[in-house]
Amino acid sequence: MKVETNIKEQLFALQDTRYRDFHRSLVPGMPEGYIIGVRMPALRRLAKEIDTGLLLAALPHRYYEENQLHAIILSGMKDYSRCLAEVERFLPYVDNWATCDGLRPRCFAKHTGDLLPHIKDWLHAEHEYTVRFGIGLLEAFFLDDAFEEGHLQWVAAIRREEYYIRMMQAWYFATALAKQWDAALPVIPSLPEWVRRKAIQKACDSFRVSDEHKAIIRTLK
């Protein structure tokens, strides 16, 4: 389709080959030619100019930057019901941590109660990045006013070997130690060893965790 081709042409017009070569190291395991090499500020500008409906309909995408554009568009979508449906449709095609972590629909913050059952389903999904996405939403939207202690158990109960799931579990608990210390601390010893050690490492590197608390969690390694 001509308009879809035009989006690809615009992406290649914004290509920075040095950035492409650098970015490949940040998103390993991607096929040759998958990453065009477009910087995020340029992608954000382009997302405001393209036919968003056409891009959202054109799954699966060929290029990494098309998936990034897709995530940017969904993150800015204001209609919660439509956004949720589009996220469900997009998640099976998310194939890397950067696109996964860039998918943070801001409208979800106002619908945390409605969102929880979907997050619970995503945490039990087979697809690696769907699980990571669910954990990431709990970290982003459910460690402040919407926090419930049970969420900690949801994440602690995940027993998966994929690196990007385990890393997001560690990030979640490091953030939980910063924001919900009293509830999070007792859960740390129950985590899988790799997740526990990485969460402690990240919490000890954080400026949001006090020196007193860092001394305590170091004893849990």
C-alpha atoms as a PDB file:
ATOM      1  CA  MET A   1       0.000   0.000   0.000  1.00  0.00           C
ATOM      2  CA  LYS A   2       1.362   3.409  -0.998  1.00  0.00           C
ATOM      3  CA  VAL A   3       0.752   5.161   2.351  1.00  0.00           C
ATOM      4  CA  GLU A   4       2.332   2.284   4.301  1.00  0.00           C
ATOM      5  CA  THR A   5       5.320   2.369   1.971  1.00  0.00           C
ATOM      6  CA  ASN A   6       5.563   6.096   2.626  1.00  0.00           C
ATOM      7  CA  ILE A   7       5.969   5.445   6.372  1.00  0.00           C
ATOM      8  CA  LYS A   8       8.899   3.149   5.652  1.00  0.00           C
ATOM      9  CA  GLU A   9      10.368   5.739   3.299  1.00  0.00           C
ATOM     10  CA  GLN A  10      10.114   8.368   6.021  1.00  0.00           C
ATOM     11  CA  LEU A  11      11.845   6.061   8.488  1.00  0.00           C
ATOM     12  CA  PHE A  12      14.735   5.414   6.121  1.00  0.00           C
ATOM     13  CA  ALA A  13      14.981   9.147   5.433  1.00  0.00           C
ATOM     14  CA  LEU A  14      15.626   9.575   9.180  1.00  0.00           C
ATOM     15  CA  GLN A  15      18.191   6.781   9.334  1.00  0.00           C
ATOM     16  CA  ASP A  16      21.370   7.312  11.331  1.00  0.00           C
ATOM     17  CA  THR A  17      23.666   4.380  10.578  1.00  0.00           C
ATOM     18  CA  ARG A  18      26.022   5.080  13.494  1.00  0.00           C
ATOM     19  CA  TYR A  19      23.067   5.092  15.866  1.00  0.00           C
ATOM     20  CA  ARG A  20      21.758   1.896  14.208  1.00  0.00           C
ATOM     21  CA  ASP A  21      25.059   0.116  14.815  1.00  0.00           C
ATOM     22  CA  PHE A  22      25.119   1.312  18.439  1.00  0.00           C
ATOM     23  CA  HIS A  23      21.481   0.418  19.064  1.00  0.00           C
ATOM     24  CA  ARG A  24      21.960  -3.144  17.804  1.00  0.00           C
ATOM     25  CA  SER A  25      24.089  -3.805  20.875  1.00  0.00           C
ATOM     26  CA  LEU A  26      21.302  -2.570  23.156  1.00  0.00           C
ATOM     27  CA  VAL A  27      18.661  -4.806  21.580  1.00  0.00           C
ATOM     28  CA  PRO A  28      20.561  -8.046  20.898  1.00  0.00           C
ATOM     29  CA  GLY A  29      19.277 -11.004  18.955  1.00  0.00           C
ATOM     30  CA  MET A  30      17.379  -9.045  16.330  1.00  0.00           C
ATOM     31  CA  PRO A  31      17.576 -10.168  12.659  1.00  0.00           C
ATOM     32  CA  GLU A  32      19.938  -8.418  10.289  1.00  0.00           C
ATOM     33  CA  GLY A  33      18.252  -5.383   8.744  1.00  0.00           C
ATOM     34  CA  TYR A  34      15.476  -5.235  11.352  1.00  0.00           C
ATOM     35  CA  ILE A  35      16.764  -2.034  12.984  1.00  0.00           C
ATOM     36  CA  ILE A  36      16.819   0.976  10.659  1.00  0.00           C
ATOM     37  CA  GLY A  37      18.474   3.344  13.116  1.00  0.00           C
ATOM     38  CA  VAL A  38      16.091   6.208  13.937  1.00  0.00           C
ATOM     39  CA  ARG A  39      16.529   8.157  17.163  1.00  0.00           C
ATOM     40  CA  MET A  40      13.610   8.357  19.580  1.00  0.00           C
ATOM     41  CA  PRO A  41      12.994  12.145  19.295  1.00  0.00           C
ATOM     42  CA  ALA A  42      12.615  11.720  15.528  1.00  0.00           C
ATOM     43  CA  LEU A  43      10.255   8.789  16.037  1.00  0.00           C
ATOM     44  CA  ARG A  44       8.116  10.814  18.417  1.00  0.00           C
ATOM     45  CA  ARG A  45       7.847  13.625  15.875  1.00  0.00           C
ATOM     46  CA  LEU A  46       7.008  11.175  13.105  1.00  0.00           C
ATOM     47  CA  ALA A  47       4.287   9.548  15.223  1.00  0.00           C
ATOM     48  CA  LYS A  48       2.417  12.868  15.145  1.00  0.00           C
ATOM     49  CA  GLU A  49       2.584  13.090  11.350  1.00  0.00           C
ATOM     50  CA  ILE A  50       1.749   9.621  10.027  1.00  0.00           C
ATOM     51  CA  ASP A  51      -1.582   7.907   9.420  1.00  0.00           C
ATOM     52  CA  THR A  52      -1.820   6.208  12.823  1.00  0.00           C
ATOM     53  CA  GLY A  53      -4.811   4.066  11.888  1.00  0.00           C
ATOM     54  CA  LEU A  54      -2.903   2.554   8.998  1.00  0.00           C
ATOM     55  CA  LEU A  55       0.145   1.788  11.129  1.00  0.00           C
ATOM     56  CA  LEU A  56      -1.945   0.180  13.892  1.00  0.00           C
ATOM     57  CA  ALA A  57      -3.701  -2.035  11.343  1.00  0.00           C
ATOM     58  CA  ALA A  58      -0.489  -3.163   9.646  1.00  0.00           C
ATOM     59  CA  LEU A  59       0.565  -6.035  11.916  1.00  0.00           C
ATOM     60  CA  PRO A  60       3.017  -7.654  11.923  1.00  0.00           C
ATOM     61  CA  HIS A  61       5.517  -4.911  11.179  1.00  0.00           C
ATOM     62  CA  ARG A  62       8.752  -5.522   9.338  1.00  0.00           C
ATOM     63  CA  TYR A  63      10.995  -3.057  11.160  1.00  0.00           C
ATOM     64  CA  TYR A  64      11.859  -2.350  14.783  1.00  0.00           C
ATOM     65  CA  GLU A  65      11.060   1.337  14.343  1.00  0.00           C
ATOM     66  CA  GLU A  66       7.557   0.521  13.133  1.00  0.00           C
ATOM     67  CA  ASN A  67       6.983  -1.350  16.389  1.00  0.00           C
ATOM     68  CA  GLN A  68       8.411   1.604  18.282  1.00  0.00           C
ATOM     69  CA  LEU A  69       6.003   3.942  16.494  1.00  0.00           C
ATOM     70  CA  HIS A  70       3.173   1.560  17.344  1.00  0.00           C
ATOM     71  CA  ALA A  71       4.118   1.662  21.042  1.00  0.00           C
ATOM     72  CA  ILE A  72       4.398   5.464  21.002  1.00  0.00           C
ATOM     73  CA  ILE A  73       0.944   5.825  19.459  1.00  0.00           C
ATOM     74  CA  LEU A  74      -0.692   3.441  21.937  1.00  0.00           C
ATOM     75  CA  SER A  75       1.049   5.116  24.860  1.00  0.00           C
ATOM     76  CA  GLY A  76      -0.564   8.417  23.919  1.00  0.00           C
ATOM     77  CA  MET A  77      -4.033   7.059  23.174  1.00  0.00           C
ATOM     78  CA  LYS A  78      -6.708   8.627  25.410  1.00  0.00           C
ATOM     79  CA  ASP A  79      -9.628   6.221  24.974  1.00  0.00           C
ATOM     80  CA  TYR A  80      -9.029   3.461  27.545  1.00  0.00           C
ATOM     81  CA  SER A  81     -11.266   0.797  25.973  1.00  0.00           C
ATOM     82  CA  ARG A  82      -9.832   1.258  22.512  1.00  0.00           C
ATOM     83  CA  CYS A  83      -6.298   1.416  23.872  1.00  0.00           C
ATOM     84  CA  LEU A  84      -6.732  -1.808  25.824  1.00  0.00           C
ATOM     85  CA  ALA A  85      -8.052  -3.601  22.748  1.00  0.00           C
ATOM     86  CA  GLU A  86      -5.161  -2.330  20.638  1.00  0.00           C
ATOM     87  CA  VAL A  87      -2.627  -3.329  23.295  1.00  0.00           C
ATOM     88  CA  GLU A  88      -4.060  -6.854  23.391  1.00  0.00           C
ATOM     89  CA  ARG A  89      -3.734  -7.028  19.610  1.00  0.00           C
ATOM     90  CA  PHE A  90      -0.167  -5.683  19.610  1.00  0.00           C
ATOM     91  CA  LEU A  91       1.369  -7.652  22.488  1.00  0.00           C
ATOM     92  CA  PRO A  92       1.899 -10.940  20.601  1.00  0.00           C
ATOM     93  CA  TYR A  93       4.119  -9.047  18.137  1.00  0.00           C
ATOM     94  CA  VAL A  94       6.322  -7.333  20.727  1.00  0.00           C
ATOM     95  CA  ASP A  95       9.705  -9.003  20.293  1.00  0.00           C
ATOM     96  CA  ASN A  96      12.198  -7.039  22.383  1.00  0.00           C
ATOM     97  CA  TRP A  97      12.573  -5.310  25.748  1.00  0.00           C
ATOM     98  CA  ALA A  98      12.782  -1.771  24.351  1.00  0.00           C
ATOM     99  CA  THR A  99       9.433  -1.884  22.562  1.00  0.00           C
ATOM    100  CA  CYS A 100       7.915  -3.654  25.571  1.00  0.00           C
ATOM    101  CA  ASP A 101       9.129  -1.028  28.037  1.00  0.00           C
ATOM    102  CA  GLY A 102       8.183   1.822  25.714  1.00  0.00           C
ATOM    103  CA  LEU A 103       4.580   0.624  25.725  1.00  0.00           C
ATOM    104  CA  ARG A 104       3.174   2.494  28.733  1.00  0.00           C
ATOM    105  CA  PRO A 105      -0.302   3.813  27.867  1.00  0.00           C
ATOM    106  CA  ARG A 106      -0.833   6.874  30.026  1.00  0.00           C
ATOM    107  CA  CYS A 107      -4.600   6.390  30.046  1.00  0.00           C
ATOM    108  CA  PHE A 108      -4.083   3.172  32.034  1.00  0.00           C
ATOM    109  CA  ALA A 109      -3.140   5.237  35.094  1.00  0.00           C
ATOM    110  CA  LYS A 110      -6.784   6.360  35.439  1.00  0.00           C
ATOM    111  CA  HIS A 111      -8.219   2.846  35.119  1.00  0.00           C
ATOM    112  CA  THR A 112      -6.112   0.776  37.499  1.00  0.00           C
ATOM    113  CA  GLY A 113      -9.077  -1.136  38.915  1.00  0.00           C
ATOM    114  CA  ASP A 114     -10.310  -2.202  35.487  1.00  0.00           C
ATOM    115  CA  LEU A 115      -6.764  -3.007  34.392  1.00  0.00           C
ATOM    116  CA  LEU A 116      -5.832  -5.446  37.173  1.00  0.00           C
ATOM    117  CA  PRO A 117      -7.603  -8.544  35.777  1.00  0.00           C
ATOM    118  CA  HIS A 118      -5.839  -8.035  32.454  1.00  0.00           C
ATOM    119  CA  ILE A 119      -2.473  -7.670  34.164  1.00  0.00           C
ATOM    120  CA  LYS A 120      -3.076 -10.898  36.040  1.00  0.00           C
ATOM    121  CA  ASP A 121      -3.741 -12.656  32.726  1.00  0.00           C
ATOM    122  CA  TRP A 122      -0.636 -11.151  31.152  1.00  0.00           C
ATOM    123  CA  LEU A 123       1.544 -12.372  34.028  1.00  0.00           C
ATOM    124  CA  HIS A 124       0.484 -15.933  33.160  1.00  0.00           C
ATOM    125  CA  ALA A 125       0.944 -15.595  29.403  1.00  0.00           C
ATOM    126  CA  GLU A 126       3.249 -17.869  27.463  1.00  0.00           C
ATOM    127  CA  HIS A 127       4.735 -14.976  25.487  1.00  0.00           C
ATOM    128  CA  GLU A 128       7.868 -13.607  27.171  1.00  0.00           C
ATOM    129  CA  TYR A 129       7.279  -9.927  26.533  1.00  0.00           C
ATOM    130  CA  THR A 130       3.608 -10.073  27.508  1.00  0.00           C
ATOM    131  CA  VAL A 131       4.725 -11.248  30.962  1.00  0.00           C
ATOM    132  CA  ARG A 132       7.377  -8.532  31.104  1.00  0.00           C
ATOM    133  CA  PHE A 133       4.751  -5.960  30.086  1.00  0.00           C
ATOM    134  CA  GLY A 134       2.439  -7.020  32.911  1.00  0.00           C
ATOM    135  CA  ILE A 135       5.198  -6.721  35.497  1.00  0.00           C
ATOM    136  CA  GLY A 136       6.208  -3.357  34.056  1.00  0.00           C
ATOM    137  CA  LEU A 137       2.675  -2.023  34.456  1.00  0.00           C
ATOM    138  CA  LEU A 138       2.620  -3.105  38.108  1.00  0.00           C
ATOM    139  CA  GLU A 139       5.858  -1.195  38.599  1.00  0.00           C
ATOM    140  CA  ALA A 140       4.668   1.895  36.726  1.00  0.00           C
ATOM    141  CA  PHE A 141       1.105   2.228  38.005  1.00  0.00           C
ATOM    142  CA  PHE A 142       0.687   0.080  41.133  1.00  0.00           C
ATOM    143  CA  LEU A 143       3.426   0.983  43.584  1.00  0.00           C
ATOM    144  CA  ASP A 144       1.870   4.231  44.796  1.00  0.00           C
ATOM    145  CA  ASP A 145      -1.812   4.907  45.547  1.00  0.00           C
ATOM    146  CA  ALA A 146      -3.024   1.776  43.718  1.00  0.00           C
ATOM    147  CA  PHE A 147      -0.619  -0.540  45.557  1.00  0.00           C
ATOM    148  CA  GLU A 148      -1.867  -3.727  47.170  1.00  0.00           C
ATOM    149  CA  GLU A 149       0.416  -6.174  48.970  1.00  0.00           C
ATOM    150  CA  GLY A 150      -0.941  -9.033  46.908  1.00  0.00           C
ATOM    151  CA  HIS A 151       0.707  -7.605  43.812  1.00  0.00           C
ATOM    152  CA  LEU A 152       4.090  -8.455  45.324  1.00  0.00           C
ATOM    153  CA  GLN A 153       3.061 -12.095  45.536  1.00  0.00           C
ATOM    154  CA  TRP A 154       1.889 -12.094  41.924  1.00  0.00           C
ATOM    155  CA  VAL A 155       5.344 -11.090  40.744  1.00  0.00           C
ATOM    156  CA  ALA A 156       7.215 -13.253  43.267  1.00  0.00           C
ATOM    157  CA  ALA A 157       5.279 -16.333  42.119  1.00  0.00           C
ATOM    158  CA  ILE A 158       6.535 -16.065  38.538  1.00  0.00           C
ATOM    159  CA  ARG A 159       9.024 -18.833  37.812  1.00  0.00           C
ATOM    160  CA  ARG A 160      10.346 -18.267  34.324  1.00  0.00           C
ATOM    161  CA  GLU A 161      13.858 -18.634  32.955  1.00  0.00           C
ATOM    162  CA  GLU A 162      13.739 -15.911  30.288  1.00  0.00           C
ATOM    163  CA  TYR A 163      16.288 -13.199  31.053  1.00  0.00           C
ATOM    164  CA  TYR A 164      13.993 -10.277  30.257  1.00  0.00           C
ATOM    165  CA  ILE A 165      11.240 -11.562  32.531  1.00  0.00           C
ATOM    166  CA  ARG A 166      13.612 -12.144  35.432  1.00  0.00           C
ATOM    167  CA  MET A 167      15.217  -8.737  34.932  1.00  0.00           C
ATOM    168  CA  MET A 168      11.832  -7.015  35.079  1.00  0.00           C
ATOM    169  CA  GLN A 169      10.990  -8.941  38.241  1.00  0.00           C
ATOM    170  CA  ALA A 170      14.207  -7.595  39.752  1.00  0.00           C
ATOM    171  CA  TRP A 171      13.412  -4.035  38.658  1.00  0.00           C
ATOM    172  CA  TYR A 172       9.921  -4.346  40.128  1.00  0.00           C
ATOM    173  CA  PHE A 173      11.190  -5.436  43.533  1.00  0.00           C
ATOM    174  CA  ALA A 174      13.984  -2.864  43.587  1.00  0.00           C
ATOM    175  CA  THR A 175      11.355  -0.176  42.995  1.00  0.00           C
ATOM    176  CA  ALA A 176       9.037  -1.765  45.548  1.00  0.00           C
ATOM    177  CA  LEU A 177      11.813  -1.591  48.144  1.00  0.00           C
ATOM    178  CA  ALA A 178      12.087   2.129  47.431  1.00  0.00           C
ATOM    179  CA  LYS A 179       8.352   2.837  47.514  1.00  0.00           C
ATOM    180  CA  GLN A 180       6.772   0.131  49.684  1.00  0.00           C
ATOM    181  CA  TRP A 181       9.592  -0.922  52.004  1.00  0.00           C
ATOM    182  CA  ASP A 182       7.569  -2.486  54.812  1.00  0.00           C
ATOM    183  CA  ALA A 183       5.529  -4.669  52.464  1.00  0.00           C
ATOM    184  CA  ALA A 184       8.321  -5.564  50.039  1.00  0.00           C
ATOM    185  CA  LEU A 185      11.113  -6.492  52.440  1.00  0.00           C
ATOM    186  CA  PRO A 186       9.539  -9.723  53.800  1.00  0.00           C
ATOM    187  CA  VAL A 187       8.988 -10.992  50.236  1.00  0.00           C
ATOM    188  CA  ILE A 188      12.611 -10.659  49.104  1.00  0.00           C
ATOM    189  CA  PRO A 189      13.870 -13.938  50.656  1.00  0.00           C
ATOM    190  CA  SER A 190      11.201 -15.910  48.752  1.00  0.00           C
ATOM    191  CA  LEU A 191      12.375 -14.753  45.320  1.00  0.00           C
ATOM    192  CA  PRO A 192      14.336 -17.039  42.990  1.00  0.00           C
ATOM    193  CA  GLU A 193      18.024 -16.603  43.770  1.00  0.00           C
ATOM    194  CA  TRP A 194      18.972 -14.776  40.557  1.00  0.00           C
ATOM    195  CA  VAL A 195      16.008 -12.380  40.851  1.00  0.00           C
ATOM    196  CA  ARG A 196      16.689 -11.779  44.546  1.00  0.00           C
ATOM    197  CA  ARG A 197      20.351 -10.938  44.010  1.00  0.00           C
ATOM    198  CA  LYS A 198      19.632  -8.666  41.054  1.00  0.00           C
ATOM    199  CA  ALA A 199      16.821  -6.865  42.916  1.00  0.00           C
ATOM    200  CA  ILE A 200      19.120  -6.271  45.884  1.00  0.00           C
ATOM    201  CA  GLN A 201      21.866  -5.016  43.582  1.00  0.00           C
ATOM    202  CA  LYS A 202      19.535  -2.569  41.864  1.00  0.00           C
ATOM    203  CA  ALA A 203      18.048  -1.379  45.164  1.00  0.00           C
ATOM    204  CA  CYS A 204      21.551  -0.777  46.544  1.00  0.00           C
ATOM    205  CA  ASP A 205      22.373   1.265  43.428  1.00  0.00           C
ATOM    206  CA  SER A 206      19.239   3.391  43.862  1.00  0.00           C
ATOM    207  CA  PHE A 207      19.247   6.889  45.324  1.00  0.00           C
ATOM    208  CA  ARG A 208      15.666   6.277  46.469  1.00  0.00           C
ATOM    209  CA  VAL A 209      16.681   3.607  49.000  1.00  0.00           C
ATOM    210  CA  SER A 210      18.211   4.891  52.236  1.00  0.00           C
ATOM    211  CA  ASP A 211      21.644   3.757  53.431  1.00  0.00           C
ATOM    212  CA  GLU A 212      19.987   2.186  56.455  1.00  0.00           C
ATOM    213  CA  HIS A 213      17.691   0.111  54.249  1.00  0.00           C
ATOM    214  CA  LYS A 214      20.559  -0.836  51.931  1.00  0.00           C
ATOM    215  CA  ALA A 215      22.467  -2.249  54.897  1.00  0.00           C
ATOM    216  CA  ILE A 216      19.470  -4.410  55.775  1.00  0.00           C
ATOM    217  CA  ILE A 217      18.845  -5.800  52.295  1.00  0.00           C
ATOM    218  CA  ARG A 218      22.529  -6.607  51.772  1.00  0.00           C
ATOM    219  CA  THR A 219      22.140  -9.227  54.501  1.00  0.00           C
ATOM    220  CA  LEU A 220      19.541 -11.011  52.331  1.00  0.00           C
ATOM    221  CA  LYS A 221      21.880 -11.851  49.458  1.00  0.00           C
END
